[in-house]
PDB file of N, CA and C in Angstrom:
ATOM      1  N   MET A   1      32.680  56.706  79.312  1.00  0.00           N
ATOM      2  CA  MET A   1      31.449  56.111  79.788  1.00  0.00           C
ATOM      3  C   MET A   1      30.911  55.153  78.716  1.00  0.00           C
ATOM      4  N   ARG A   2      30.385  54.046  79.165  1.00  0.00           N
ATOM      5  CA  ARG A   2      29.813  53.060  78.242  1.00  0.00           C
ATOM      6  C   ARG A   2      28.486  53.575  77.682  1.00  0.00           C
ATOM      7  N   ALA A   3      28.149  53.082  76.513  1.00  0.00           N
ATOM      8  CA  ALA A   3      26.879  53.455  75.878  1.00  0.00           C
ATOM      9  C   ALA A   3      25.717  52.928  76.717  1.00  0.00           C
ATOM     10  N   ILE A   4      24.863  53.812  77.113  1.00  0.00           N
ATOM     11  CA  ILE A   4      23.742  53.434  77.972  1.00  0.00           C
ATOM     12  C   ILE A   4      22.764  52.495  77.268  1.00  0.00           C
ATOM     13  N   GLU A   5      22.744  52.510  75.947  1.00  0.00           N
ATOM     14  CA  GLU A   5      21.853  51.640  75.183  1.00  0.00           C
ATOM     15  C   GLU A   5      22.154  50.162  75.418  1.00  0.00           C
ATOM     16  N   ARG A   6      23.372  49.866  75.869  1.00  0.00           N
ATOM     17  CA  ARG A   6      23.729  48.472  76.125  1.00  0.00           C
ATOM     18  C   ARG A   6      22.792  47.848  77.155  1.00  0.00           C
ATOM     19  N   LEU A   7      22.270  48.675  78.053  1.00  0.00           N
ATOM     20  CA  LEU A   7      21.360  48.156  79.074  1.00  0.00           C
ATOM     21  C   LEU A   7      20.077  47.627  78.446  1.00  0.00           C
ATOM     22  N   ASP A   8      19.543  48.359  77.475  1.00  0.00           N
ATOM     23  CA  ASP A   8      18.342  47.882  76.786  1.00  0.00           C
ATOM     24  C   ASP A   8      18.625  46.588  76.038  1.00  0.00           C
ATOM     25  N   VAL A   9      19.764  46.530  75.384  1.00  0.00           N
ATOM     26  CA  VAL A   9      20.150  45.312  74.652  1.00  0.00           C
ATOM     27  C   VAL A   9      20.223  44.135  75.621  1.00  0.00           C
ATOM     28  N   PHE A  10      20.894  44.340  76.748  1.00  0.00           N
ATOM     29  CA  PHE A  10      21.056  43.268  77.732  1.00  0.00           C
ATOM     30  C   PHE A  10      19.717  42.824  78.313  1.00  0.00           C
ATOM     31  N   TYR A  11      18.951  43.774  78.818  1.00  0.00           N
ATOM     32  CA  TYR A  11      17.698  43.410  79.496  1.00  0.00           C
ATOM     33  C   TYR A  11      16.643  42.867  78.536  1.00  0.00           C
ATOM     34  N   ASP A  12      16.604  43.380  77.334  1.00  0.00           N
ATOM     35  CA  ASP A  12      15.663  42.837  76.349  1.00  0.00           C
ATOM     36  C   ASP A  12      15.995  41.387  76.017  1.00  0.00           C
ATOM     37  N   GLU A  13      17.286  41.105  75.866  1.00  0.00           N
ATOM     38  CA  GLU A  13      17.687  39.721  75.568  1.00  0.00           C
ATOM     39  C   GLU A  13      17.476  38.809  76.777  1.00  0.00           C
ATOM     40  N   LEU A  14      17.793  39.301  77.957  1.00  0.00           N
ATOM     41  CA  LEU A  14      17.557  38.513  79.172  1.00  0.00           C
ATOM     42  C   LEU A  14      16.073  38.201  79.314  1.00  0.00           C
ATOM     43  N   LYS A  15      15.234  39.176  79.070  1.00  0.00           N
ATOM     44  CA  LYS A  15      13.785  38.981  79.158  1.00  0.00           C
ATOM     45  C   LYS A  15      13.316  37.949  78.130  1.00  0.00           C
ATOM     46  N   ARG A  16      13.824  38.040  76.911  1.00  0.00           N
ATOM     47  CA  ARG A  16      13.458  37.086  75.872  1.00  0.00           C
ATOM     48  C   ARG A  16      13.850  35.665  76.272  1.00  0.00           C
ATOM     49  N   ILE A  17      15.078  35.507  76.740  1.00  0.00           N
ATOM     50  CA  ILE A  17      15.567  34.192  77.157  1.00  0.00           C
ATOM     51  C   ILE A  17      14.756  33.652  78.329  1.00  0.00           C
ATOM     52  N   HIS A  18      14.478  34.503  79.301  1.00  0.00           N
ATOM     53  CA  HIS A  18      13.711  34.065  80.465  1.00  0.00           C
ATOM     54  C   HIS A  18      12.335  33.558  80.036  1.00  0.00           C
ATOM     55  N   LYS A  19      11.653  34.304  79.197  1.00  0.00           N
ATOM     56  CA  LYS A  19      10.318  33.901  78.744  1.00  0.00           C
ATOM     57  C   LYS A  19      10.355  32.645  77.881  1.00  0.00           C
ATOM     58  N   GLU A  20      11.374  32.527  77.046  1.00  0.00           N
ATOM     59  CA  GLU A  20      11.446  31.420  76.101  1.00  0.00           C
ATOM     60  C   GLU A  20      11.960  30.122  76.723  1.00  0.00           C
ATOM     61  N   TYR A  21      12.949  30.210  77.581  1.00  0.00           N
ATOM     62  CA  TYR A  21      13.604  29.009  78.104  1.00  0.00           C
ATOM     63  C   TYR A  21      13.236  28.660  79.548  1.00  0.00           C
ATOM     64  N   PHE A  22      12.870  29.655  80.345  1.00  0.00           N
ATOM     65  CA  PHE A  22      12.614  29.425  81.768  1.00  0.00           C
ATOM     66  C   PHE A  22      11.330  30.134  82.222  1.00  0.00           C
ATOM     67  N   PRO A  23      10.224  29.932  81.530  1.00  0.00           N
ATOM     68  CA  PRO A  23       9.021  30.713  81.835  1.00  0.00           C
ATOM     69  C   PRO A  23       8.445  30.476  83.228  1.00  0.00           C
ATOM     70  N   ASP A  24       8.710  29.335  83.810  1.00  0.00           N
ATOM     71  CA  ASP A  24       8.152  29.036  85.130  1.00  0.00           C
ATOM     72  C   ASP A  24       9.068  29.446  86.278  1.00  0.00           C
ATOM     73  N   TRP A  25      10.277  29.860  85.974  1.00  0.00           N
ATOM     74  CA  TRP A  25      11.220  30.238  87.026  1.00  0.00           C
ATOM     75  C   TRP A  25      10.996  31.680  87.449  1.00  0.00           C
ATOM     76  N   ARG A  26      11.121  31.923  88.739  1.00  0.00           N
ATOM     77  CA  ARG A  26      11.094  33.290  89.251  1.00  0.00           C
ATOM     78  C   ARG A  26      12.397  33.983  88.851  1.00  0.00           C
ATOM     79  N   GLU A  27      12.408  35.300  88.873  1.00  0.00           N
ATOM     80  CA  GLU A  27      13.581  36.053  88.418  1.00  0.00           C
ATOM     81  C   GLU A  27      14.853  35.649  89.162  1.00  0.00           C
ATOM     82  N   PHE A  28      14.786  35.645  90.479  1.00  0.00           N
ATOM     83  CA  PHE A  28      16.006  35.330  91.213  1.00  0.00           C
ATOM     84  C   PHE A  28      16.314  33.843  91.250  1.00  0.00           C
ATOM     85  N   GLN A  29      15.367  33.033  90.918  1.00  0.00           N
ATOM     86  CA  GLN A  29      15.642  31.612  90.725  1.00  0.00           C
ATOM     87  C   GLN A  29      16.550  31.455  89.504  1.00  0.00           C
ATOM     88  N   LEU A  30      16.234  32.189  88.445  1.00  0.00           N
ATOM     89  CA  LEU A  30      17.079  32.168  87.251  1.00  0.00           C
ATOM     90  C   LEU A  30      18.478  32.690  87.575  1.00  0.00           C
ATOM     91  N   PHE A  31      18.548  33.837  88.235  1.00  0.00           N
ATOM     92  CA  PHE A  31      19.860  34.419  88.561  1.00  0.00           C
ATOM     93  C   PHE A  31      20.678  33.480  89.447  1.00  0.00           C
ATOM     94  N   TYR A  32      20.056  32.958  90.491  1.00  0.00           N
ATOM     95  CA  TYR A  32      20.773  32.079  91.416  1.00  0.00           C
ATOM     96  C   TYR A  32      21.304  30.850  90.699  1.00  0.00           C
ATOM     97  N   ASN A  33      20.473  30.235  89.888  1.00  0.00           N
ATOM     98  CA  ASN A  33      20.905  29.032  89.175  1.00  0.00           C
ATOM     99  C   ASN A  33      22.020  29.336  88.178  1.00  0.00           C
ATOM    100  N   MET A  34      21.920  30.456  87.481  1.00  0.00           N
ATOM    101  CA  MET A  34      22.984  30.810  86.536  1.00  0.00           C
ATOM    102  C   MET A  34      24.288  31.095  87.270  1.00  0.00           C
ATOM    103  N   PHE A  35      24.222  31.860  88.351  1.00  0.00           N
ATOM    104  CA  PHE A  35      25.441  32.186  89.086  1.00  0.00           C
ATOM    105  C   PHE A  35      26.060  30.949  89.725  1.00  0.00           C
ATOM    106  N   SER A  36      25.222  30.026  90.167  1.00  0.00           N
ATOM    107  CA  SER A  36      25.729  28.796  90.789  1.00  0.00           C
ATOM    108  C   SER A  36      26.478  27.923  89.792  1.00  0.00           C
ATOM    109  N   ASP A  37      26.146  28.043  88.521  1.00  0.00           N
ATOM    110  CA  ASP A  37      26.763  27.228  87.485  1.00  0.00           C
ATOM    111  C   ASP A  37      28.054  27.842  86.921  1.00  0.00           C
ATOM    112  N   MET A  38      28.325  29.090  87.254  1.00  0.00           N
ATOM    113  CA  MET A  38      29.485  29.790  86.677  1.00  0.00           C
ATOM    114  C   MET A  38      30.801  29.222  87.185  1.00  0.00           C
ATOM    115  N   LYS A  39      31.762  29.142  86.273  1.00  0.00           N
ATOM    116  CA  LYS A  39      33.082  28.626  86.609  1.00  0.00           C
ATOM    117  C   LYS A  39      34.081  29.751  86.867  1.00  0.00           C
ATOM    118  N   GLU A  40      33.682  30.997  86.583  1.00  0.00           N
ATOM    119  CA  GLU A  40      34.560  32.137  86.804  1.00  0.00           C
ATOM    120  C   GLU A  40      33.748  33.309  87.336  1.00  0.00           C
ATOM    121  N   ASP A  41      34.432  34.259  87.909  1.00  0.00           N
ATOM    122  CA  ASP A  41      33.801  35.446  88.463  1.00  0.00           C
ATOM    123  C   ASP A  41      33.364  36.375  87.327  1.00  0.00           C
ATOM    124  N   PRO A  42      32.071  36.692  87.246  1.00  0.00           N
ATOM    125  CA  PRO A  42      31.578  37.519  86.141  1.00  0.00           C
ATOM    126  C   PRO A  42      31.661  39.029  86.406  1.00  0.00           C
ATOM    127  N   PHE A  43      32.289  39.426  87.490  1.00  0.00           N
ATOM    128  CA  PHE A  43      32.280  40.833  87.902  1.00  0.00           C
ATOM    129  C   PHE A  43      32.741  41.787  86.807  1.00  0.00           C
ATOM    130  N   PHE A  44      33.760  41.429  86.063  1.00  0.00           N
ATOM    131  CA  PHE A  44      34.320  42.337  85.061  1.00  0.00           C
ATOM    132  C   PHE A  44      33.831  42.051  83.638  1.00  0.00           C
ATOM    133  N   TRP A  45      32.880  41.170  83.477  1.00  0.00           N
ATOM    134  CA  TRP A  45      32.383  40.842  82.147  1.00  0.00           C
ATOM    135  C   TRP A  45      31.697  42.045  81.519  1.00  0.00           C
ATOM    136  N   GLU A  46      31.911  42.207  80.230  1.00  0.00           N
ATOM    137  CA  GLU A  46      31.176  43.206  79.468  1.00  0.00           C
ATOM    138  C   GLU A  46      29.859  42.568  79.008  1.00  0.00           C
ATOM    139  N   THR A  47      28.976  43.382  78.480  1.00  0.00           N
ATOM    140  CA  THR A  47      27.641  42.932  78.086  1.00  0.00           C
ATOM    141  C   THR A  47      27.678  41.749  77.126  1.00  0.00           C
ATOM    142  N   ASP A  48      28.555  41.806  76.136  1.00  0.00           N
ATOM    143  CA  ASP A  48      28.590  40.728  75.144  1.00  0.00           C
ATOM    144  C   ASP A  48      28.968  39.391  75.767  1.00  0.00           C
ATOM    145  N   LYS A  49      29.917  39.388  76.697  1.00  0.00           N
ATOM    146  CA  LYS A  49      30.310  38.140  77.344  1.00  0.00           C
ATOM    147  C   LYS A  49      29.200  37.631  78.258  1.00  0.00           C
ATOM    148  N   ALA A  50      28.531  38.531  78.951  1.00  0.00           N
ATOM    149  CA  ALA A  50      27.426  38.129  79.823  1.00  0.00           C
ATOM    150  C   ALA A  50      26.305  37.490  79.003  1.00  0.00           C
ATOM    151  N   LEU A  51      25.965  38.100  77.886  1.00  0.00           N
ATOM    152  CA  LEU A  51      24.916  37.541  77.044  1.00  0.00           C
ATOM    153  C   LEU A  51      25.328  36.208  76.435  1.00  0.00           C
ATOM    154  N   GLU A  52      26.588  36.089  76.099  1.00  0.00           N
ATOM    155  CA  GLU A  52      27.095  34.820  75.572  1.00  0.00           C
ATOM    156  C   GLU A  52      26.904  33.713  76.614  1.00  0.00           C
ATOM    157  N   TYR A  53      27.234  34.010  77.867  1.00  0.00           N
ATOM    158  CA  TYR A  53      27.067  33.026  78.933  1.00  0.00           C
ATOM    159  C   TYR A  53      25.587  32.685  79.137  1.00  0.00           C
ATOM    160  N   ILE A  54      24.736  33.702  79.179  1.00  0.00           N
ATOM    161  CA  ILE A  54      23.311  33.481  79.417  1.00  0.00           C
ATOM    162  C   ILE A  54      22.701  32.643  78.298  1.00  0.00           C
ATOM    163  N   ARG A  55      23.066  32.925  77.065  1.00  0.00           N
ATOM    164  CA  ARG A  55      22.563  32.133  75.936  1.00  0.00           C
ATOM    165  C   ARG A  55      23.026  30.682  76.037  1.00  0.00           C
ATOM    166  N   SER A  56      24.283  30.504  76.394  1.00  0.00           N
ATOM    167  CA  SER A  56      24.833  29.159  76.538  1.00  0.00           C
ATOM    168  C   SER A  56      24.120  28.394  77.659  1.00  0.00           C
ATOM    169  N   TYR A  57      23.893  29.066  78.766  1.00  0.00           N
ATOM    170  CA  TYR A  57      23.186  28.457  79.895  1.00  0.00           C
ATOM    171  C   TYR A  57      21.773  28.050  79.472  1.00  0.00           C
ATOM    172  N   ALA A  58      21.097  28.926  78.755  1.00  0.00           N
ATOM    173  CA  ALA A  58      19.744  28.650  78.301  1.00  0.00           C
ATOM    174  C   ALA A  58      19.687  27.434  77.387  1.00  0.00           C
ATOM    175  N   GLU A  59      20.629  27.348  76.467  1.00  0.00           N
ATOM    176  CA  GLU A  59      20.670  26.209  75.550  1.00  0.00           C
ATOM    177  C   GLU A  59      20.938  24.903  76.292  1.00  0.00           C
ATOM    178  N   LYS A  60      21.747  24.984  77.333  1.00  0.00           N
ATOM    179  CA  LYS A  60      22.122  23.790  78.092  1.00  0.00           C
ATOM    180  C   LYS A  60      21.007  23.329  79.043  1.00  0.00           C
ATOM    181  N   TYR A  61      20.363  24.264  79.719  1.00  0.00           N
ATOM    182  CA  TYR A  61      19.427  23.907  80.783  1.00  0.00           C
ATOM    183  C   TYR A  61      17.971  24.296  80.542  1.00  0.00           C
ATOM    184  N   GLY A  62      17.730  25.112  79.561  1.00  0.00           N
ATOM    185  CA  GLY A  62      16.372  25.639  79.365  1.00  0.00           C
ATOM    186  C   GLY A  62      15.427  24.667  78.718  1.00  0.00           C
ATOM    187  N   MET A  63      14.189  24.980  78.860  1.00  0.00           N
ATOM    188  CA  MET A  63      13.119  24.192  78.251  1.00  0.00           C
ATOM    189  C   MET A  63      12.427  25.095  77.241  1.00  0.00           C
ATOM    190  N   LYS A  64      12.979  25.136  76.052  1.00  0.00           N
ATOM    191  CA  LYS A  64      12.446  26.005  75.020  1.00  0.00           C
ATOM    192  C   LYS A  64      11.044  25.562  74.614  1.00  0.00           C
ATOM    193  N   LYS A  65      10.142  26.545  74.473  1.00  0.00           N
ATOM    194  CA  LYS A  65       8.757  26.255  74.085  1.00  0.00           C
ATOM    195  C   LYS A  65       8.719  25.627  72.704  1.00  0.00           C
TER     196      LYS A  65
END
């Protein structure tokens, strides 16, 4: 079984990125836009790869305060 703490790491970072780069976007607006931009299926991604993608997306499209 995977370490359950990974969920806190993931959601805390997602929350930070959402507030910092996309503060005006609704939650599913962020998800939809990120998924629409993906070039591969993220179904089997581990937490580190998912966060890497989210950070990259934020740097590319976000409006950092």
